[in-house]
Structures are given as structure tokens and as C-alpha cells.
Amino acid sequence: MAFSGGSALVQLVALGLPAAGGVEAPIPIRIVFDAPEDCSTEEAFYQGVRSRTDRVRRAEAGETGTELGVRVSKTSGKVHGELDLIGEHGESDRRVVDGETCSEVVEALSLTAALALDPAARVSPAPAAPAQGATTQPAPCPPPPPLPPAYPNSFELGLHARLALAKVVTPEWSFGGMVFASLRPVAWLPNGPSFGFGVGYLSNAVGSSSDEENPATRLSTMMLRACPWRWGVTSSLFIEPCVIGKGGWLEAEGRGLSNPDTVQRSWWSLGAEAVLELTLGRGFSLALAPSFDVPLVERRFTMGEPPEPAGETPAVSPGASLGIGYYFQ
């Protein structure tokens, strides 16, 4: 589990909460809980706080109190939790917890909330009271509190493979694919940014009608990707805008000629894509990404004697890709 946001204790004076040794009356709290249906409950969070301190209670209708905003979401096989403590006068503080399971994250958030409301709160939950008439056994010495589990890595590594199409040289479409790796600092910025590096290949000979008036083209590129933010539409559907820079070689060969010539030119472009990604579980995901590239150098090709125009790079090259990804857990 990864904690962020500064000290684990909220500044009590800043939030207007009573300090230890002051007013002994229970602190009224109001909980706003947002989590997937299969990911714990508001009652579990409240009981986690109450099991560590007796100095809290639910606020009555119309009563002012401290608001605890809890938000839990699932991202790439991991669970991300946020706790906002809002005082009676609007002062707020936020804590972030990341872990492997919902119960683990909600338990850590309840501990954080209990310590913020009552610095003397118990680190371990209080044991349940024995049933009436049951024989009371001496309680064993409690074990030391376990250290919060950390992410396997500070960065999330993803490997991706996609089929792609784009209009590299007009008037035909080119087909091919790309593979790339991505890296995201999930330990402290789970929603981005991410960076990637990969290679791609496109050719108009794949599924082409072999039009003799147009040259056969092949584009081989290396690319750098930067995605500043990853927005979660739901717990499993995400939108991620990215900017992409490409460099490589564009090769064109005449068709329908007895001695066709082949020319090779450099390719440089800047572009962008909007990735719509659906997580499938166990680290796998499915991605659809409409895109466009802007070639930085215009290329034109001619064929025949006398030479006649046979194709050129467009001002804006539209495209799209579809494929799968795997994020190492």
C-alpha cells in the first residue's frame, strides 16, 4: 500500500477539530462514501473508525460536524483511495492510499481518519465484546501493527501491441502495426503522466489493389509518447490524451514497371491520439486510439517518363489503432 499527501495526521487546529485532552464529547462526523458496488461500504469504513476511538459519532440531521469524504476506485488491477476531511468552517485536508484490495484500502483510510480525529486513537481495532455468558479468556499480547504493504514498483510498466492504419502517402491508406512500452509513476501519481517508447510499421501493400499508378510505400518509425493525464470514466474505462513524436524512413517503389526505382526519404512528424482504454482484469487491457500526424517535411513522388505525380505526404495524416496491453502487477 502506498501513502501520500504528507503526514498521516491531519492538522487538527487547521480543521477546527478538538485536540486530545480538550472537550471529551464525541465529535459528530458525516461520511460521504463513493466506491464501486463490490468494493466495501460506508458502514465498514465507519466501524473501522469507531473500532479505534470512542470519541466520534454520526452527526444528527441538521447538525454541523466534520465531513469525511471517501472515494475508492480501481485502476489497472490496483485500488486507489482518497480521504478528504472537511472541518465545520470549510477547512480541508486530503490523504491518499493505494493498495491491492478494497478492504485493505478502506481499513487504512479508517485508521487515517481515526488518528486525525483523535490523536490518542488505537492503531489496531478494538476486539469485539464477548457474548454474554461466554468464558472470558485472557487476551494475548497484541502483535505490533504490520507495516503497510508497498507497491511492487514505484513505476507501472505496460507493454502494448496494436494494429494500425493511416494515410501516409495520398491517395492510398497504409496498414500495419506498432509495439511500445509505457511507464507511469503510480506510487505517487496514479493518474499520470505516463511516457512511452516504441516502433511502428505501415505499408500500402497490405490489402492494396496494387494500383500501378501509385507507388508502393513502406514507413518504418520509432516513436516517443507523452500522456499528461489519465481520466477515469468508470472504474474500468479510461480516456488518455497523448502527444507523439515520430522519426524514421519512408520508402517508395514504382509499380507496374520493368525496372522499378526505389527511393528512401527520412520521415519526421508530430501528432496526437486519444486513447480509450478498457481494463479487462489480471493486468490486461483493450485500447482504441484515433490519431493524427503532421509530417514536418513534405515528400512528393513521381513515376514514368516523362515524370508524373504519383503521390505525396498529406498536410495532416489521419489514422487509428486498436490493440491490447499488459500492465505488470
Protein backbone atom coordinates (compact mmCIF):
# COMPACT_ATOMS: atom_id res chain seq x y z
CA MET A 1 0.00 0.00 0.00
CA ALA A 2 1.34 3.48 -0.80
CA PHE A 3 0.51 6.56 1.33
CA SER A 4 0.87 10.12 0.04
CA GLY A 5 -0.11 13.64 0.95
CA GLY A 6 2.31 14.42 3.80
CA SER A 7 1.92 13.49 7.47
CA ALA A 8 -0.53 10.69 8.34
CA LEU A 9 -2.12 13.02 10.95
CA VAL A 10 -4.34 15.86 9.76
CA GLN A 11 -3.58 19.25 11.31
CA LEU A 12 -6.32 19.35 13.97
CA VAL A 13 -6.13 23.07 14.57
CA ALA A 14 -6.43 23.84 10.85
CA LEU A 15 -9.58 21.75 10.61
CA GLY A 16 -11.10 23.11 13.77
CA LEU A 17 -11.16 19.68 15.48
CA PRO A 18 -10.81 19.37 19.27
CA ALA A 19 -7.34 18.37 20.46
CA ALA A 20 -6.68 15.45 22.82
CA GLY A 21 -7.36 16.39 26.42
CA GLY A 22 -9.88 19.10 25.44
CA VAL A 23 -13.61 18.61 25.03
CA GLU A 24 -14.45 14.96 25.74
CA ALA A 25 -17.81 14.95 23.96
CA PRO A 26 -17.83 12.72 20.86
CA ILE A 27 -17.07 14.51 17.61
CA PRO A 28 -20.04 14.49 15.18
CA ILE A 29 -19.00 13.23 11.75
CA ARG A 30 -20.76 12.89 8.42
CA ILE A 31 -19.48 10.38 5.84
CA VAL A 32 -19.76 10.75 2.05
CA PHE A 33 -18.73 7.38 0.59
CA ASP A 34 -18.10 6.71 -3.12
CA ALA A 35 -16.84 3.28 -4.24
CA PRO A 36 -17.68 0.51 -6.74
CA GLU A 37 -20.55 -1.75 -5.67
CA ASP A 38 -18.25 -4.68 -4.91
CA CYS A 39 -15.73 -2.54 -3.03
CA SER A 40 -16.56 -2.27 0.72
CA THR A 41 -19.26 0.00 2.24
CA GLU A 42 -19.75 3.21 4.17
CA GLU A 43 -20.69 1.17 7.27
CA ALA A 44 -17.42 -0.79 7.09
CA PHE A 45 -15.48 2.48 6.97
CA TYR A 46 -17.43 3.94 9.91
CA GLN A 47 -16.98 0.79 12.02
CA GLY A 48 -13.26 0.90 11.21
CA VAL A 49 -13.10 4.41 12.69
CA ARG A 50 -15.27 3.53 15.73
CA SER A 51 -13.20 0.42 16.49
CA ARG A 52 -10.21 2.68 17.13
CA THR A 53 -11.76 5.59 19.04
CA ASP A 54 -14.90 6.25 21.11
CA ARG A 55 -14.69 9.98 20.51
CA VAL A 56 -16.70 10.03 17.26
CA ARG A 57 -20.36 9.59 16.43
CA ARG A 58 -22.58 10.13 13.40
CA ALA A 59 -23.92 13.68 13.09
CA GLU A 60 -27.66 14.16 13.54
CA ALA A 61 -29.82 15.68 10.80
CA GLY A 62 -29.14 19.42 10.61
CA GLU A 63 -26.16 19.18 12.99
CA THR A 64 -22.81 20.66 11.97
CA GLY A 65 -19.85 18.36 12.09
CA THR A 66 -16.72 17.15 10.35
CA GLU A 67 -17.28 15.69 6.89
CA LEU A 68 -15.25 12.66 5.80
CA GLY A 69 -15.27 12.28 2.01
CA VAL A 70 -14.14 8.80 0.97
CA ARG A 71 -13.55 7.89 -2.68
CA VAL A 72 -12.31 4.45 -3.79
CA SER A 73 -11.54 3.43 -7.40
CA LYS A 74 -9.86 0.56 -9.21
CA THR A 75 -7.04 1.30 -11.66
CA SER A 76 -5.11 -1.31 -13.66
CA GLY A 77 -5.66 -4.09 -11.12
CA LYS A 78 -4.88 -1.86 -8.11
CA VAL A 79 -7.12 0.09 -5.71
CA HIS A 80 -6.78 3.85 -5.15
CA GLY A 81 -8.39 5.58 -2.16
CA GLU A 82 -8.75 9.24 -1.17
CA LEU A 83 -9.90 10.75 2.14
CA ASP A 84 -10.97 14.42 2.38
CA LEU A 85 -11.52 15.81 5.90
CA ILE A 86 -13.60 19.00 5.84
CA GLY A 87 -13.99 20.95 9.09
CA GLU A 88 -17.04 22.83 10.29
CA HIS A 89 -15.73 26.06 8.75
CA GLY A 90 -14.78 24.56 5.38
CA GLU A 91 -11.10 23.83 6.11
CA SER A 92 -9.99 20.66 4.36
CA ASP A 93 -7.13 18.20 4.13
CA ARG A 94 -6.62 15.20 1.84
CA ARG A 95 -4.95 11.82 2.29
CA VAL A 96 -4.29 9.25 -0.46
CA VAL A 97 -3.86 5.48 0.00
CA ASP A 98 -3.11 2.84 -2.64
CA GLY A 99 -3.24 -0.93 -2.16
CA GLU A 100 -4.07 -4.31 -3.62
CA THR A 101 -7.65 -4.81 -2.30
CA CYS A 102 -10.64 -2.63 -1.41
CA SER A 103 -10.82 -3.86 2.20
CA GLU A 104 -7.13 -3.08 2.67
CA VAL A 105 -7.50 0.49 1.36
CA VAL A 106 -10.73 1.22 3.32
CA GLU A 107 -9.11 -0.13 6.51
CA ALA A 108 -6.10 2.16 6.00
CA LEU A 109 -8.40 5.16 5.34
CA SER A 110 -10.38 4.44 8.53
CA LEU A 111 -7.13 4.33 10.53
CA THR A 112 -6.03 7.65 8.99
CA ALA A 113 -9.41 9.24 9.81
CA ALA A 114 -9.40 7.92 13.41
CA LEU A 115 -5.91 9.33 14.10
CA ALA A 116 -6.90 12.67 12.54
CA LEU A 117 -10.00 12.97 14.75
CA ASP A 118 -8.36 11.56 17.89
CA PRO A 119 -4.53 11.51 18.13
CA ALA A 120 -4.92 9.01 21.01
CA ALA A 121 -6.84 6.57 18.83
CA ARG A 122 -5.81 2.90 18.79
CA VAL A 123 -3.69 1.77 15.85
CA SER A 124 -5.27 -1.70 15.97
CA PRO A 125 -9.07 -2.12 16.08
CA ALA A 126 -10.59 -2.83 19.50
CA PRO A 127 -11.52 -6.53 19.96
CA ALA A 128 -15.22 -7.37 19.76
CA ALA A 129 -17.02 -7.68 23.13
CA PRO A 130 -17.53 -11.34 24.20
CA ALA A 131 -21.06 -12.73 24.07
CA GLN A 132 -22.97 -12.69 27.36
CA GLY A 133 -22.24 -15.82 29.42
CA ALA A 134 -19.15 -16.74 27.41
CA THR A 135 -15.98 -17.62 29.26
CA THR A 136 -13.53 -14.75 29.17
CA GLN A 137 -10.01 -15.78 28.24
CA PRO A 138 -7.05 -13.54 28.90
CA ALA A 139 -6.28 -11.62 25.74
CA PRO A 140 -2.90 -12.36 24.20
CA CYS A 141 -0.47 -9.53 23.74
CA PRO A 142 -1.34 -7.78 20.50
CA PRO A 143 1.24 -8.13 17.75
CA PRO A 144 2.95 -4.99 16.53
CA PRO A 145 0.99 -3.24 13.78
CA PRO A 146 2.04 -4.51 10.35
CA LEU A 147 3.86 -2.20 8.02
CA PRO A 148 1.64 -1.02 5.18
CA PRO A 149 2.39 -3.01 2.01
CA ALA A 150 4.02 -1.01 -0.75
CA TYR A 151 3.62 -1.18 -4.50
CA PRO A 152 5.80 -3.85 -6.13
CA ASN A 153 7.42 -0.98 -8.04
CA SER A 154 7.33 2.79 -7.90
CA PHE A 155 6.53 2.74 -11.62
CA GLU A 156 3.91 0.78 -13.56
CA LEU A 157 5.33 -0.84 -16.71
CA GLY A 158 2.99 -1.57 -19.60
CA LEU A 159 3.60 -3.42 -22.88
CA HIS A 160 1.27 -2.70 -25.82
CA ALA A 161 0.68 -4.15 -29.31
CA ARG A 162 -1.76 -2.59 -31.79
CA LEU A 163 -2.93 -2.89 -35.38
CA ALA A 164 -2.82 0.48 -37.14
CA LEU A 165 -3.88 2.29 -40.29
CA ALA A 166 -3.01 5.77 -41.56
CA LYS A 167 -2.87 7.80 -44.74
CA VAL A 168 0.92 8.10 -45.12
CA VAL A 169 1.07 8.95 -48.84
CA THR A 170 -2.06 10.01 -50.71
CA PRO A 171 -4.30 8.72 -52.09
CA GLU A 172 -4.00 5.22 -50.52
CA TRP A 173 -4.31 4.04 -46.91
CA SER A 174 -1.46 2.14 -45.27
CA PHE A 175 -1.86 -0.71 -42.78
CA GLY A 176 0.48 -2.21 -40.23
CA GLY A 177 1.10 -2.18 -36.51
CA MET A 178 3.08 -0.86 -33.60
CA VAL A 179 4.56 -2.10 -30.33
CA PHE A 180 5.60 0.12 -27.44
CA ALA A 181 6.26 0.22 -23.72
CA SER A 182 4.79 2.74 -21.26
CA LEU A 183 5.91 3.86 -17.81
CA ARG A 184 3.69 5.55 -15.19
CA PRO A 185 4.72 6.72 -11.65
CA VAL A 186 1.73 5.06 -9.94
CA ALA A 187 3.17 5.21 -6.41
CA TRP A 188 2.56 8.97 -6.13
CA LEU A 189 0.75 9.96 -9.38
CA PRO A 190 -1.59 7.06 -10.26
CA ASN A 191 -3.45 9.10 -12.93
CA GLY A 192 -0.41 10.24 -14.86
CA PRO A 193 1.68 11.35 -16.50
CA SER A 194 2.99 8.39 -18.50
CA PHE A 195 5.76 8.10 -21.05
CA GLY A 196 6.35 5.58 -23.82
CA PHE A 197 8.80 4.42 -26.46
CA GLY A 198 8.11 2.10 -29.39
CA VAL A 199 8.38 1.22 -33.07
CA GLY A 200 5.84 1.09 -35.91
CA TYR A 201 5.50 -0.13 -39.49
CA LEU A 202 2.95 0.83 -42.16
CA SER A 203 2.64 -0.21 -45.82
CA ASN A 204 0.05 0.40 -48.52
CA ALA A 205 0.82 -3.08 -49.95
CA VAL A 206 -1.26 -4.74 -47.18
CA GLY A 207 -4.76 -5.24 -48.59
CA SER A 208 -3.93 -2.96 -51.52
CA SER A 209 -5.28 -3.30 -55.05
CA SER A 210 -1.72 -2.80 -56.34
CA ASP A 211 -2.69 0.27 -58.36
CA GLU A 212 0.13 0.69 -60.89
CA GLU A 213 -0.36 4.45 -60.93
CA ASN A 214 0.69 4.78 -57.29
CA PRO A 215 3.99 3.73 -55.70
CA ALA A 216 4.28 1.01 -53.06
CA THR A 217 5.22 2.74 -49.80
CA ARG A 218 6.66 1.44 -46.54
CA LEU A 219 7.08 3.57 -43.42
CA SER A 220 9.29 2.39 -40.52
CA THR A 221 9.36 4.66 -37.46
CA MET A 222 10.47 4.97 -33.88
CA MET A 223 8.20 6.99 -31.62
CA LEU A 224 8.16 8.80 -28.29
CA ARG A 225 4.85 9.24 -26.44
CA ALA A 226 3.88 11.53 -23.54
CA CYS A 227 0.44 11.37 -21.90
CA PRO A 228 -0.07 14.09 -19.27
CA TRP A 229 -3.27 12.74 -17.65
CA ARG A 230 -5.45 9.61 -17.46
CA TRP A 231 -9.13 10.30 -16.74
CA GLY A 232 -11.35 7.53 -15.36
CA VAL A 233 -14.84 7.49 -16.88
CA THR A 234 -15.70 4.44 -14.73
CA SER A 235 -13.65 2.08 -12.56
CA SER A 236 -12.59 0.17 -15.70
CA LEU A 237 -12.88 2.67 -18.60
CA PHE A 238 -10.28 5.41 -19.09
CA ILE A 239 -9.51 8.21 -21.54
CA GLU A 240 -5.89 9.29 -22.03
CA PRO A 241 -4.77 12.04 -24.44
CA CYS A 242 -1.19 11.70 -25.72
CA VAL A 243 1.26 13.62 -27.90
CA ILE A 244 3.55 11.59 -30.17
CA GLY A 245 6.78 12.36 -32.00
CA LYS A 246 7.99 10.03 -34.76
CA GLY A 247 11.16 9.66 -36.79
CA GLY A 248 12.12 7.06 -39.38
CA TRP A 249 12.30 6.19 -43.06
CA LEU A 250 9.72 6.37 -45.84
CA GLU A 251 10.45 4.10 -48.79
CA ALA A 252 8.61 4.28 -52.13
CA GLU A 253 8.91 1.83 -55.03
CA GLY A 254 7.37 2.12 -58.52
CA ARG A 255 4.78 -0.46 -59.53
CA GLY A 256 3.95 -1.81 -62.97
CA LEU A 257 7.42 -1.00 -64.33
CA SER A 258 10.01 -3.39 -65.81
CA ASN A 259 12.80 -1.71 -63.84
CA PRO A 260 11.15 -0.03 -60.87
CA ASP A 261 13.13 2.54 -58.91
CA THR A 262 13.16 2.66 -55.14
CA VAL A 263 13.73 5.85 -53.17
CA GLN A 264 14.11 6.33 -49.45
CA ARG A 265 13.45 9.53 -47.55
CA SER A 266 13.53 10.47 -43.88
CA TRP A 267 10.26 10.91 -42.01
CA TRP A 268 9.62 13.30 -39.14
CA SER A 269 6.23 14.08 -37.63
CA LEU A 270 4.41 15.36 -34.57
CA GLY A 271 0.92 14.19 -33.70
CA ALA A 272 -1.59 13.26 -31.03
CA GLU A 273 -4.00 10.48 -30.14
CA ALA A 274 -6.93 10.00 -27.74
CA VAL A 275 -6.71 6.55 -26.15
CA LEU A 276 -9.94 4.90 -24.98
CA GLU A 277 -8.80 2.01 -22.75
CA LEU A 278 -10.91 -0.72 -21.14
CA THR A 279 -9.27 -2.78 -18.37
CA LEU A 280 -10.04 -6.49 -18.64
CA GLY A 281 -8.57 -7.66 -15.32
CA ARG A 282 -5.36 -9.52 -14.42
CA GLY A 283 -3.32 -6.66 -15.89
CA PHE A 284 -4.79 -6.85 -19.43
CA SER A 285 -6.50 -4.00 -21.28
CA LEU A 286 -8.07 -3.22 -24.68
CA ALA A 287 -7.36 0.14 -26.35
CA LEU A 288 -8.83 2.08 -29.30
CA ALA A 289 -6.97 5.25 -30.33
CA PRO A 290 -7.96 7.65 -33.14
CA SER A 291 -4.95 9.78 -34.06
CA PHE A 292 -3.34 12.21 -36.48
CA ASP A 293 0.23 13.04 -37.52
CA VAL A 294 1.59 16.23 -39.06
CA PRO A 295 4.62 15.45 -41.29
CA LEU A 296 7.34 18.04 -40.70
CA VAL A 297 8.88 17.53 -44.17
CA GLU A 298 6.73 17.25 -47.31
CA ARG A 299 7.57 14.36 -49.66
CA ARG A 300 6.40 14.02 -53.28
CA PHE A 301 6.84 11.05 -55.63
CA THR A 302 6.70 10.80 -59.44
CA MET A 303 6.60 7.87 -61.86
CA GLY A 304 7.05 7.24 -65.59
CA GLU A 305 8.64 9.12 -68.46
CA PRO A 306 8.02 11.97 -68.52
CA PRO A 307 7.67 12.01 -64.70
CA GLU A 308 4.12 12.39 -63.47
CA PRO A 309 2.91 12.95 -59.87
CA ALA A 310 2.19 9.62 -58.15
CA GLY A 311 1.66 10.57 -54.52
CA GLU A 312 2.61 12.94 -51.71
CA THR A 313 2.53 13.17 -47.94
CA PRO A 314 -0.66 14.92 -46.72
CA ALA A 315 -0.58 18.04 -44.59
CA VAL A 316 -2.33 16.05 -41.84
CA SER A 317 -2.16 12.25 -41.78
CA PRO A 318 -5.26 10.75 -40.09
CA GLY A 319 -5.11 7.29 -38.52
CA ALA A 320 -6.30 4.92 -35.82
CA SER A 321 -5.04 1.89 -33.88
CA LEU A 322 -6.61 -1.00 -31.96
CA GLY A 323 -4.86 -3.48 -29.70
CA ILE A 324 -4.14 -4.95 -26.30
CA GLY A 325 -1.87 -4.04 -23.43
CA TYR A 326 -0.50 -5.73 -20.33
CA TYR A 327 0.47 -3.93 -17.12
CA PHE A 328 2.87 -5.71 -14.81
CA GLN A 329 1.35 -6.01 -11.31
